[in-house]
Amino acid sequence: MSLAAAVHRLTNQSAELFGFRGRGLLREGYAADLLLFDPATVGRGPKRRVFDLPGGAARLTTDAIGVHGVWVNGTQVADTNGLLERAPLAGEVMTDFAA
């Protein structure tokens, strides 16, 4: 599968499948949720165990590699170093898929 096909499946195709109107494409009036990445280096880092669940329970996680920024509803919330401390909560809980 090409990178373009993978991006389409994760964005527009998923939005259509789940009925998320106004999402999945870069189009005027749509939610500006963006992920800026370098196609030559995008991937995941090594697995590591973190203890941040309730009661100190463990989970496995990996850091993103090759990601340069994340925007939610047009607000940048992450950069190459991870989540921005100054970033407001830009997302919303979707209870009405007609949004």
PDB file of N, CA and C in Angstrom:
ATOM      1  N   MET A   1       0.852  -1.165   0.000  1.00  0.00           N
ATOM      2  CA  MET A   1       0.000   0.000   0.000  1.00  0.00           C
ATOM      3  C   MET A   1       0.904   1.237   0.000  1.00  0.00           C
ATOM      4  N   SER A   2       0.548   2.215  -0.793  1.00  0.00           N
ATOM      5  CA  SER A   2       1.334   3.444  -0.841  1.00  0.00           C
ATOM      6  C   SER A   2       1.071   4.285   0.403  1.00  0.00           C
ATOM      7  N   LEU A   3       1.973   5.217   0.671  1.00  0.00           N
ATOM      8  CA  LEU A   3       1.791   6.117   1.806  1.00  0.00           C
ATOM      9  C   LEU A   3       0.529   6.948   1.630  1.00  0.00           C
ATOM     10  N   ALA A   4       0.270   7.417   0.421  1.00  0.00           N
ATOM     11  CA  ALA A   4      -0.938   8.207   0.159  1.00  0.00           C
ATOM     12  C   ALA A   4      -2.203   7.386   0.439  1.00  0.00           C
ATOM     13  N   ALA A   5      -2.211   6.122   0.041  1.00  0.00           N
ATOM     14  CA  ALA A   5      -3.370   5.253   0.300  1.00  0.00           C
ATOM     15  C   ALA A   5      -3.547   5.026   1.804  1.00  0.00           C
ATOM     16  N   ALA A   6      -2.445   4.855   2.528  1.00  0.00           N
ATOM     17  CA  ALA A   6      -2.528   4.656   3.978  1.00  0.00           C
ATOM     18  C   ALA A   6      -3.091   5.892   4.666  1.00  0.00           C
ATOM     19  N   VAL A   7      -2.629   7.077   4.264  1.00  0.00           N
ATOM     20  CA  VAL A   7      -3.145   8.319   4.843  1.00  0.00           C
ATOM     21  C   VAL A   7      -4.635   8.445   4.553  1.00  0.00           C
ATOM     22  N   HIS A   8      -5.056   8.137   3.332  1.00  0.00           N
ATOM     23  CA  HIS A   8      -6.478   8.194   2.971  1.00  0.00           C
ATOM     24  C   HIS A   8      -7.311   7.250   3.839  1.00  0.00           C
ATOM     25  N   ARG A   9      -6.816   6.049   4.052  1.00  0.00           N
ATOM     26  CA  ARG A   9      -7.561   5.080   4.872  1.00  0.00           C
ATOM     27  C   ARG A   9      -7.688   5.548   6.322  1.00  0.00           C
ATOM     28  N   LEU A  10      -6.642   6.178   6.840  1.00  0.00           N
ATOM     29  CA  LEU A  10      -6.663   6.621   8.232  1.00  0.00           C
ATOM     30  C   LEU A  10      -7.440   7.920   8.432  1.00  0.00           C
ATOM     31  N   THR A  11      -7.681   8.662   7.367  1.00  0.00           N
ATOM     32  CA  THR A  11      -8.326   9.972   7.497  1.00  0.00           C
ATOM     33  C   THR A  11      -9.715   9.966   6.875  1.00  0.00           C
ATOM     34  N   ASN A  12      -9.809  10.227   5.582  1.00  0.00           N
ATOM     35  CA  ASN A  12     -11.097  10.373   4.914  1.00  0.00           C
ATOM     36  C   ASN A  12     -11.934   9.105   4.948  1.00  0.00           C
ATOM     37  N   GLN A  13     -11.322   7.975   4.670  1.00  0.00           N
ATOM     38  CA  GLN A  13     -12.090   6.725   4.651  1.00  0.00           C
ATOM     39  C   GLN A  13     -12.653   6.404   6.039  1.00  0.00           C
ATOM     40  N   SER A  14     -11.867   6.614   7.079  1.00  0.00           N
ATOM     41  CA  SER A  14     -12.353   6.367   8.441  1.00  0.00           C
ATOM     42  C   SER A  14     -13.452   7.347   8.814  1.00  0.00           C
ATOM     43  N   ALA A  15     -13.290   8.620   8.463  1.00  0.00           N
ATOM     44  CA  ALA A  15     -14.308   9.627   8.770  1.00  0.00           C
ATOM     45  C   ALA A  15     -15.629   9.274   8.097  1.00  0.00           C
ATOM     46  N   GLU A  16     -15.576   8.855   6.848  1.00  0.00           N
ATOM     47  CA  GLU A  16     -16.801   8.462   6.137  1.00  0.00           C
ATOM     48  C   GLU A  16     -17.422   7.218   6.754  1.00  0.00           C
ATOM     49  N   LEU A  17     -16.607   6.231   7.079  1.00  0.00           N
ATOM     50  CA  LEU A  17     -17.093   4.978   7.649  1.00  0.00           C
ATOM     51  C   LEU A  17     -17.855   5.204   8.956  1.00  0.00           C
ATOM     52  N   PHE A  18     -17.320   6.076   9.813  1.00  0.00           N
ATOM     53  CA  PHE A  18     -17.935   6.316  11.111  1.00  0.00           C
ATOM     54  C   PHE A  18     -18.901   7.499  11.110  1.00  0.00           C
ATOM     55  N   GLY A  19     -19.120   8.128   9.957  1.00  0.00           N
ATOM     56  CA  GLY A  19     -20.090   9.209   9.853  1.00  0.00           C
ATOM     57  C   GLY A  19     -19.623  10.520  10.446  1.00  0.00           C
ATOM     58  N   PHE A  20     -18.315  10.744  10.504  1.00  0.00           N
ATOM     59  CA  PHE A  20     -17.776  12.001  11.040  1.00  0.00           C
ATOM     60  C   PHE A  20     -17.782  13.043   9.934  1.00  0.00           C
ATOM     61  N   ARG A  21     -18.836  13.836   9.863  1.00  0.00           N
ATOM     62  CA  ARG A  21     -18.916  14.875   8.839  1.00  0.00           C
ATOM     63  C   ARG A  21     -18.008  16.038   9.216  1.00  0.00           C
ATOM     64  N   GLY A  22     -17.431  16.669   8.207  1.00  0.00           N
ATOM     65  CA  GLY A  22     -16.553  17.805   8.457  1.00  0.00           C
ATOM     66  C   GLY A  22     -15.167  17.417   8.915  1.00  0.00           C
ATOM     67  N   ARG A  23     -14.797  16.162   8.654  1.00  0.00           N
ATOM     68  CA  ARG A  23     -13.478  15.670   9.056  1.00  0.00           C
ATOM     69  C   ARG A  23     -12.919  14.750   7.978  1.00  0.00           C
ATOM     70  N   GLY A  24     -11.605  14.532   8.016  1.00  0.00           N
ATOM     71  CA  GLY A  24     -10.980  13.574   7.123  1.00  0.00           C
ATOM     72  C   GLY A  24     -10.386  14.151   5.860  1.00  0.00           C
ATOM     73  N   LEU A  25     -10.655  15.416   5.574  1.00  0.00           N
ATOM     74  CA  LEU A  25     -10.102  16.076   4.392  1.00  0.00           C
ATOM     75  C   LEU A  25      -9.617  17.465   4.767  1.00  0.00           C
ATOM     76  N   LEU A  26      -8.684  17.999   3.976  1.00  0.00           N
ATOM     77  CA  LEU A  26      -8.283  19.398   4.120  1.00  0.00           C
ATOM     78  C   LEU A  26      -9.205  20.207   3.226  1.00  0.00           C
ATOM     79  N   ARG A  27     -10.228  20.787   3.834  1.00  0.00           N
ATOM     80  CA  ARG A  27     -11.239  21.493   3.078  1.00  0.00           C
ATOM     81  C   ARG A  27     -11.795  22.625   3.938  1.00  0.00           C
ATOM     82  N   GLU A  28     -12.135  23.743   3.313  1.00  0.00           N
ATOM     83  CA  GLU A  28     -12.697  24.869   4.055  1.00  0.00           C
ATOM     84  C   GLU A  28     -13.935  24.428   4.829  1.00  0.00           C
ATOM     85  N   GLY A  29     -13.993  24.837   6.105  1.00  0.00           N
ATOM     86  CA  GLY A  29     -15.120  24.485   6.967  1.00  0.00           C
ATOM     87  C   GLY A  29     -14.952  23.169   7.712  1.00  0.00           C
ATOM     88  N   TYR A  30     -13.929  22.395   7.389  1.00  0.00           N
ATOM     89  CA  TYR A  30     -13.673  21.129   8.070  1.00  0.00           C
ATOM     90  C   TYR A  30     -12.767  21.378   9.279  1.00  0.00           C
ATOM     91  N   ALA A  31     -12.805  20.462  10.247  1.00  0.00           N
ATOM     92  CA  ALA A  31     -11.900  20.544  11.390  1.00  0.00           C
ATOM     93  C   ALA A  31     -10.470  20.428  10.883  1.00  0.00           C
ATOM     94  N   ALA A  32      -9.619  21.311  11.339  1.00  0.00           N
ATOM     95  CA  ALA A  32      -8.222  21.321  10.882  1.00  0.00           C
ATOM     96  C   ALA A  32      -7.374  20.451  11.801  1.00  0.00           C
ATOM     97  N   ASP A  33      -7.549  19.147  11.691  1.00  0.00           N
ATOM     98  CA  ASP A  33      -6.746  18.186  12.441  1.00  0.00           C
ATOM     99  C   ASP A  33      -5.641  17.707  11.508  1.00  0.00           C
ATOM    100  N   LEU A  34      -4.406  18.036  11.857  1.00  0.00           N
ATOM    101  CA  LEU A  34      -3.283  17.763  10.960  1.00  0.00           C
ATOM    102  C   LEU A  34      -2.139  17.076  11.694  1.00  0.00           C
ATOM    103  N   LEU A  35      -1.426  16.236  10.966  1.00  0.00           N
ATOM    104  CA  LEU A  35      -0.209  15.593  11.461  1.00  0.00           C
ATOM    105  C   LEU A  35       0.867  15.836  10.412  1.00  0.00           C
ATOM    106  N   LEU A  36       1.902  16.577  10.773  1.00  0.00           N
ATOM    107  CA  LEU A  36       3.006  16.872   9.861  1.00  0.00           C
ATOM    108  C   LEU A  36       4.121  15.869  10.128  1.00  0.00           C
ATOM    109  N   PHE A  37       4.460  15.081   9.108  1.00  0.00           N
ATOM    110  CA  PHE A  37       5.490  14.065   9.290  1.00  0.00           C
ATOM    111  C   PHE A  37       6.397  14.011   8.073  1.00  0.00           C
ATOM    112  N   ASP A  38       7.578  13.455   8.289  1.00  0.00           N
ATOM    113  CA  ASP A  38       8.558  13.240   7.227  1.00  0.00           C
ATOM    114  C   ASP A  38       8.355  11.817   6.711  1.00  0.00           C
ATOM    115  N   PRO A  39       7.893  11.656   5.465  1.00  0.00           N
ATOM    116  CA  PRO A  39       7.627  10.312   4.959  1.00  0.00           C
ATOM    117  C   PRO A  39       8.853   9.403   4.946  1.00  0.00           C
ATOM    118  N   ALA A  40      10.040   9.992   4.904  1.00  0.00           N
ATOM    119  CA  ALA A  40      11.264   9.180   4.866  1.00  0.00           C
ATOM    120  C   ALA A  40      11.624   8.611   6.228  1.00  0.00           C
ATOM    121  N   THR A  41      11.133   9.220   7.303  1.00  0.00           N
ATOM    122  CA  THR A  41      11.551   8.772   8.639  1.00  0.00           C
ATOM    123  C   THR A  41      10.396   8.435   9.577  1.00  0.00           C
ATOM    124  N   VAL A  42       9.155   8.633   9.170  1.00  0.00           N
ATOM    125  CA  VAL A  42       8.037   8.402  10.084  1.00  0.00           C
ATOM    126  C   VAL A  42       8.008   6.932  10.523  1.00  0.00           C
ATOM    127  N   GLY A  43       7.734   6.744  11.774  1.00  0.00           N
ATOM    128  CA  GLY A  43       7.689   5.390  12.326  1.00  0.00           C
ATOM    129  C   GLY A  43       7.466   5.455  13.830  1.00  0.00           C
ATOM    130  N   ARG A  44       7.774   4.371  14.486  1.00  0.00           N
ATOM    131  CA  ARG A  44       7.645   4.330  15.939  1.00  0.00           C
ATOM    132  C   ARG A  44       8.969   3.932  16.559  1.00  0.00           C
ATOM    133  N   GLY A  45       9.175   4.458  17.742  1.00  0.00           N
ATOM    134  CA  GLY A  45      10.406   4.169  18.462  1.00  0.00           C
ATOM    135  C   GLY A  45      10.303   2.847  19.191  1.00  0.00           C
ATOM    136  N   PRO A  46      11.297   2.552  19.998  1.00  0.00           N
ATOM    137  CA  PRO A  46      11.286   1.292  20.752  1.00  0.00           C
ATOM    138  C   PRO A  46      10.184   1.284  21.806  1.00  0.00           C
ATOM    139  N   LYS A  47       9.702   0.092  22.089  1.00  0.00           N
ATOM    140  CA  LYS A  47       8.686  -0.066  23.137  1.00  0.00           C
ATOM    141  C   LYS A  47       9.301   0.221  24.495  1.00  0.00           C
ATOM    142  N   ARG A  48       8.502   0.843  25.354  1.00  0.00           N
ATOM    143  CA  ARG A  48       8.948   1.049  26.732  1.00  0.00           C
ATOM    144  C   ARG A  48       7.736   0.955  27.652  1.00  0.00           C
ATOM    145  N   ARG A  49       8.007   0.562  28.867  1.00  0.00           N
ATOM    146  CA  ARG A  49       6.941   0.388  29.864  1.00  0.00           C
ATOM    147  C   ARG A  49       6.853   1.659  30.699  1.00  0.00           C
ATOM    148  N   VAL A  50       5.619   2.178  30.841  1.00  0.00           N
ATOM    149  CA  VAL A  50       5.374   3.335  31.701  1.00  0.00           C
ATOM    150  C   VAL A  50       4.335   2.932  32.742  1.00  0.00           C
ATOM    151  N   PHE A  51       4.369   3.593  33.883  1.00  0.00           N
ATOM    152  CA  PHE A  51       3.485   3.259  35.001  1.00  0.00           C
ATOM    153  C   PHE A  51       2.594   4.456  35.304  1.00  0.00           C
ATOM    154  N   ASP A  52       1.750   4.825  34.320  1.00  0.00           N
ATOM    155  CA  ASP A  52       0.929   6.020  34.477  1.00  0.00           C
ATOM    156  C   ASP A  52      -0.571   5.733  34.501  1.00  0.00           C
ATOM    157  N   LEU A  53      -0.939   4.485  34.664  1.00  0.00           N
ATOM    158  CA  LEU A  53      -2.350   4.131  34.779  1.00  0.00           C
ATOM    159  C   LEU A  53      -2.783   4.200  36.245  1.00  0.00           C
ATOM    160  N   PRO A  54      -4.083   4.248  36.493  1.00  0.00           N
ATOM    161  CA  PRO A  54      -4.544   4.283  37.889  1.00  0.00           C
ATOM    162  C   PRO A  54      -3.925   3.164  38.724  1.00  0.00           C
ATOM    163  N   GLY A  55      -3.541   3.496  39.919  1.00  0.00           N
ATOM    164  CA  GLY A  55      -2.926   2.529  40.817  1.00  0.00           C
ATOM    165  C   GLY A  55      -1.489   2.199  40.445  1.00  0.00           C
ATOM    166  N   GLY A  56      -0.905   2.962  39.528  1.00  0.00           N
ATOM    167  CA  GLY A  56       0.470   2.715  39.120  1.00  0.00           C
ATOM    168  C   GLY A  56       0.629   1.537  38.181  1.00  0.00           C
ATOM    169  N   ALA A  57      -0.471   1.092  37.568  1.00  0.00           N
ATOM    170  CA  ALA A  57      -0.394  -0.045  36.649  1.00  0.00           C
ATOM    171  C   ALA A  57       0.441   0.320  35.429  1.00  0.00           C
ATOM    172  N   ALA A  58       1.027  -0.695  34.826  1.00  0.00           N
ATOM    173  CA  ALA A  58       1.936  -0.495  33.691  1.00  0.00           C
ATOM    174  C   ALA A  58       1.212  -0.639  32.358  1.00  0.00           C
ATOM    175  N   ARG A  59       1.795   0.003  31.342  1.00  0.00           N
ATOM    176  CA  ARG A  59       1.369  -0.187  29.962  1.00  0.00           C
ATOM    177  C   ARG A  59       2.597  -0.011  29.072  1.00  0.00           C
ATOM    178  N   LEU A  60       2.526  -0.562  27.866  1.00  0.00           N
ATOM    179  CA  LEU A  60       3.598  -0.376  26.894  1.00  0.00           C
ATOM    180  C   LEU A  60       3.261   0.806  25.998  1.00  0.00           C
ATOM    181  N   THR A  61       4.265   1.569  25.615  1.00  0.00           N
ATOM    182  CA  THR A  61       4.075   2.693  24.718  1.00  0.00           C
ATOM    183  C   THR A  61       5.296   2.822  23.823  1.00  0.00           C
ATOM    184  N   THR A  62       5.146   3.559  22.745  1.00  0.00           N
ATOM    185  CA  THR A  62       6.266   3.889  21.872  1.00  0.00           C
ATOM    186  C   THR A  62       6.148   5.359  21.502  1.00  0.00           C
ATOM    187  N   ASP A  63       7.272   6.012  21.307  1.00  0.00           N
ATOM    188  CA  ASP A  63       7.270   7.402  20.864  1.00  0.00           C
ATOM    189  C   ASP A  63       7.256   7.446  19.347  1.00  0.00           C
ATOM    190  N   ALA A  64       6.670   8.508  18.805  1.00  0.00           N
ATOM    191  CA  ALA A  64       6.645   8.695  17.359  1.00  0.00           C
ATOM    192  C   ALA A  64       8.010   9.183  16.878  1.00  0.00           C
ATOM    193  N   ILE A  65       8.395   8.744  15.708  1.00  0.00           N
ATOM    194  CA  ILE A  65       9.624   9.196  15.062  1.00  0.00           C
ATOM    195  C   ILE A  65       9.224   9.858  13.747  1.00  0.00           C
ATOM    196  N   GLY A  66       9.869  10.951  13.420  1.00  0.00           N
ATOM    197  CA  GLY A  66       9.607  11.613  12.154  1.00  0.00           C
ATOM    198  C   GLY A  66       8.374  12.491  12.138  1.00  0.00           C
ATOM    199  N   VAL A  67       7.764  12.725  13.299  1.00  0.00           N
ATOM    200  CA  VAL A  67       6.592  13.605  13.400  1.00  0.00           C
ATOM    201  C   VAL A  67       7.071  14.979  13.836  1.00  0.00           C
ATOM    202  N   HIS A  68       6.654  16.003  13.085  1.00  0.00           N
ATOM    203  CA  HIS A  68       7.118  17.361  13.351  1.00  0.00           C
ATOM    204  C   HIS A  68       6.058  18.251  13.980  1.00  0.00           C
ATOM    205  N   GLY A  69       4.801  17.826  13.965  1.00  0.00           N
ATOM    206  CA  GLY A  69       3.775  18.642  14.583  1.00  0.00           C
ATOM    207  C   GLY A  69       2.410  17.993  14.490  1.00  0.00           C
ATOM    208  N   VAL A  70       1.543  18.345  15.461  1.00  0.00           N
ATOM    209  CA  VAL A  70       0.158  17.889  15.483  1.00  0.00           C
ATOM    210  C   VAL A  70      -0.715  19.101  15.777  1.00  0.00           C
ATOM    211  N   TRP A  71      -1.770  19.258  14.977  1.00  0.00           N
ATOM    212  CA  TRP A  71      -2.736  20.340  15.166  1.00  0.00           C
ATOM    213  C   TRP A  71      -4.112  19.733  15.348  1.00  0.00           C
ATOM    214  N   VAL A  72      -4.860  20.223  16.338  1.00  0.00           N
ATOM    215  CA  VAL A  72      -6.233  19.794  16.587  1.00  0.00           C
ATOM    216  C   VAL A  72      -7.119  21.028  16.457  1.00  0.00           C
ATOM    217  N   ASN A  73      -8.087  20.952  15.557  1.00  0.00           N
ATOM    218  CA  ASN A  73      -8.964  22.100  15.279  1.00  0.00           C
ATOM    219  C   ASN A  73      -8.151  23.359  15.012  1.00  0.00           C
ATOM    220  N   GLY A  74      -7.030  23.214  14.310  1.00  0.00           N
ATOM    221  CA  GLY A  74      -6.213  24.356  13.931  1.00  0.00           C
ATOM    222  C   GLY A  74      -5.250  24.852  14.991  1.00  0.00           C
ATOM    223  N   THR A  75      -5.234  24.240  16.161  1.00  0.00           N
ATOM    224  CA  THR A  75      -4.349  24.638  17.250  1.00  0.00           C
ATOM    225  C   THR A  75      -3.225  23.616  17.392  1.00  0.00           C
ATOM    226  N   GLN A  76      -1.976  24.085  17.326  1.00  0.00           N
ATOM    227  CA  GLN A  76      -0.858  23.151  17.474  1.00  0.00           C
ATOM    228  C   GLN A  76      -0.796  22.658  18.912  1.00  0.00           C
ATOM    229  N   VAL A  77      -0.763  21.329  19.070  1.00  0.00           N
ATOM    230  CA  VAL A  77      -0.729  20.721  20.394  1.00  0.00           C
ATOM    231  C   VAL A  77       0.543  19.912  20.640  1.00  0.00           C
ATOM    232  N   ALA A  78       1.328  19.650  19.576  1.00  0.00           N
ATOM    233  CA  ALA A  78       2.567  18.889  19.731  1.00  0.00           C
ATOM    234  C   ALA A  78       3.552  19.308  18.655  1.00  0.00           C
ATOM    235  N   ASP A  79       4.833  19.118  18.958  1.00  0.00           N
ATOM    236  CA  ASP A  79       5.891  19.359  17.985  1.00  0.00           C
ATOM    237  C   ASP A  79       6.849  18.177  18.009  1.00  0.00           C
ATOM    238  N   THR A  80       8.019  18.344  17.471  1.00  0.00           N
ATOM    239  CA  THR A  80       9.010  17.263  17.403  1.00  0.00           C
ATOM    240  C   THR A  80       9.343  16.692  18.778  1.00  0.00           C
ATOM    241  N   ASN A  81       9.237  17.516  19.807  1.00  0.00           N
ATOM    242  CA  ASN A  81       9.592  17.086  21.169  1.00  0.00           C
ATOM    243  C   ASN A  81       8.436  16.483  21.948  1.00  0.00           C
ATOM    244  N   GLY A  82       7.237  16.459  21.402  1.00  0.00           N
ATOM    245  CA  GLY A  82       6.079  15.902  22.089  1.00  0.00           C
ATOM    246  C   GLY A  82       5.018  16.951  22.350  1.00  0.00           C
ATOM    247  N   LEU A  83       4.158  16.689  23.331  1.00  0.00           N
ATOM    248  CA  LEU A  83       3.061  17.602  23.643  1.00  0.00           C
ATOM    249  C   LEU A  83       3.581  18.955  24.098  1.00  0.00           C
ATOM    250  N   LEU A  84       2.921  20.012  23.665  1.00  0.00           N
ATOM    251  CA  LEU A  84       3.282  21.365  24.076  1.00  0.00           C
ATOM    252  C   LEU A  84       2.618  21.664  25.414  1.00  0.00           C
ATOM    253  N   GLU A  85       3.374  22.168  26.355  1.00  0.00           N
ATOM    254  CA  GLU A  85       2.812  22.486  27.671  1.00  0.00           C
ATOM    255  C   GLU A  85       1.805  23.618  27.592  1.00  0.00           C
ATOM    256  N   ARG A  86       2.025  24.557  26.682  1.00  0.00           N
ATOM    257  CA  ARG A  86       1.150  25.717  26.583  1.00  0.00           C
ATOM    258  C   ARG A  86      -0.097  25.456  25.742  1.00  0.00           C
ATOM    259  N   ALA A  87      -0.199  24.292  25.129  1.00  0.00           N
ATOM    260  CA  ALA A  87      -1.313  24.010  24.228  1.00  0.00           C
ATOM    261  C   ALA A  87      -2.615  23.843  25.004  1.00  0.00           C
ATOM    262  N   PRO A  88      -3.665  24.550  24.598  1.00  0.00           N
ATOM    263  CA  PRO A  88      -4.966  24.353  25.235  1.00  0.00           C
ATOM    264  C   PRO A  88      -5.580  23.036  24.770  1.00  0.00           C
ATOM    265  N   LEU A  89      -6.620  22.615  25.446  1.00  0.00           N
ATOM    266  CA  LEU A  89      -7.349  21.433  25.008  1.00  0.00           C
ATOM    267  C   LEU A  89      -8.195  21.854  23.804  1.00  0.00           C
ATOM    268  N   ALA A  90      -7.756  21.492  22.612  1.00  0.00           N
ATOM    269  CA  ALA A  90      -8.384  21.984  21.401  1.00  0.00           C
ATOM    270  C   ALA A  90      -9.445  21.045  20.844  1.00  0.00           C
ATOM    271  N   GLY A  91      -9.495  19.816  21.303  1.00  0.00           N
ATOM    272  CA  GLY A  91     -10.441  18.849  20.768  1.00  0.00           C
ATOM    273  C   GLY A  91     -11.801  18.950  21.411  1.00  0.00           C
ATOM    274  N   GLU A  92     -12.669  18.067  20.992  1.00  0.00           N
ATOM    275  CA  GLU A  92     -14.016  18.022  21.550  1.00  0.00           C
ATOM    276  C   GLU A  92     -14.502  16.583  21.535  1.00  0.00           C
ATOM    277  N   VAL A  93     -15.392  16.261  22.454  1.00  0.00           N
ATOM    278  CA  VAL A  93     -15.999  14.949  22.472  1.00  0.00           C
ATOM    279  C   VAL A  93     -17.096  14.940  21.413  1.00  0.00           C
ATOM    280  N   MET A  94     -17.051  13.969  20.538  1.00  0.00           N
ATOM    281  CA  MET A  94     -18.055  13.930  19.465  1.00  0.00           C
ATOM    282  C   MET A  94     -19.246  13.103  19.913  1.00  0.00           C
ATOM    283  N   THR A  95     -20.340  13.781  20.167  1.00  0.00           N
ATOM    284  CA  THR A  95     -21.567  13.092  20.550  1.00  0.00           C
ATOM    285  C   THR A  95     -22.603  13.135  19.439  1.00  0.00           C
ATOM    286  N   ASP A  96     -22.439  14.054  18.492  1.00  0.00           N
ATOM    287  CA  ASP A  96     -23.331  14.192  17.357  1.00  0.00           C
ATOM    288  C   ASP A  96     -22.472  14.143  16.107  1.00  0.00           C
ATOM    289  N   PHE A  97     -22.580  13.090  15.324  1.00  0.00           N
ATOM    290  CA  PHE A  97     -21.707  12.916  14.185  1.00  0.00           C
ATOM    291  C   PHE A  97     -22.067  13.838  13.039  1.00  0.00           C
ATOM    292  N   ALA A  98     -23.083  14.635  13.181  1.00  0.00           N
ATOM    293  CA  ALA A  98     -23.456  15.586  12.128  1.00  0.00           C
ATOM    294  C   ALA A  98     -22.639  16.869  12.232  1.00  0.00           C
ATOM    295  N   ALA A  99     -21.690  16.914  13.160  1.00  0.00           N
ATOM    296  CA  ALA A  99     -20.894  18.138  13.363  1.00  0.00           C
ATOM    297  C   ALA A  99     -20.033  18.438  12.172  1.00  0.00           C
TER     298      ALA A  99
END
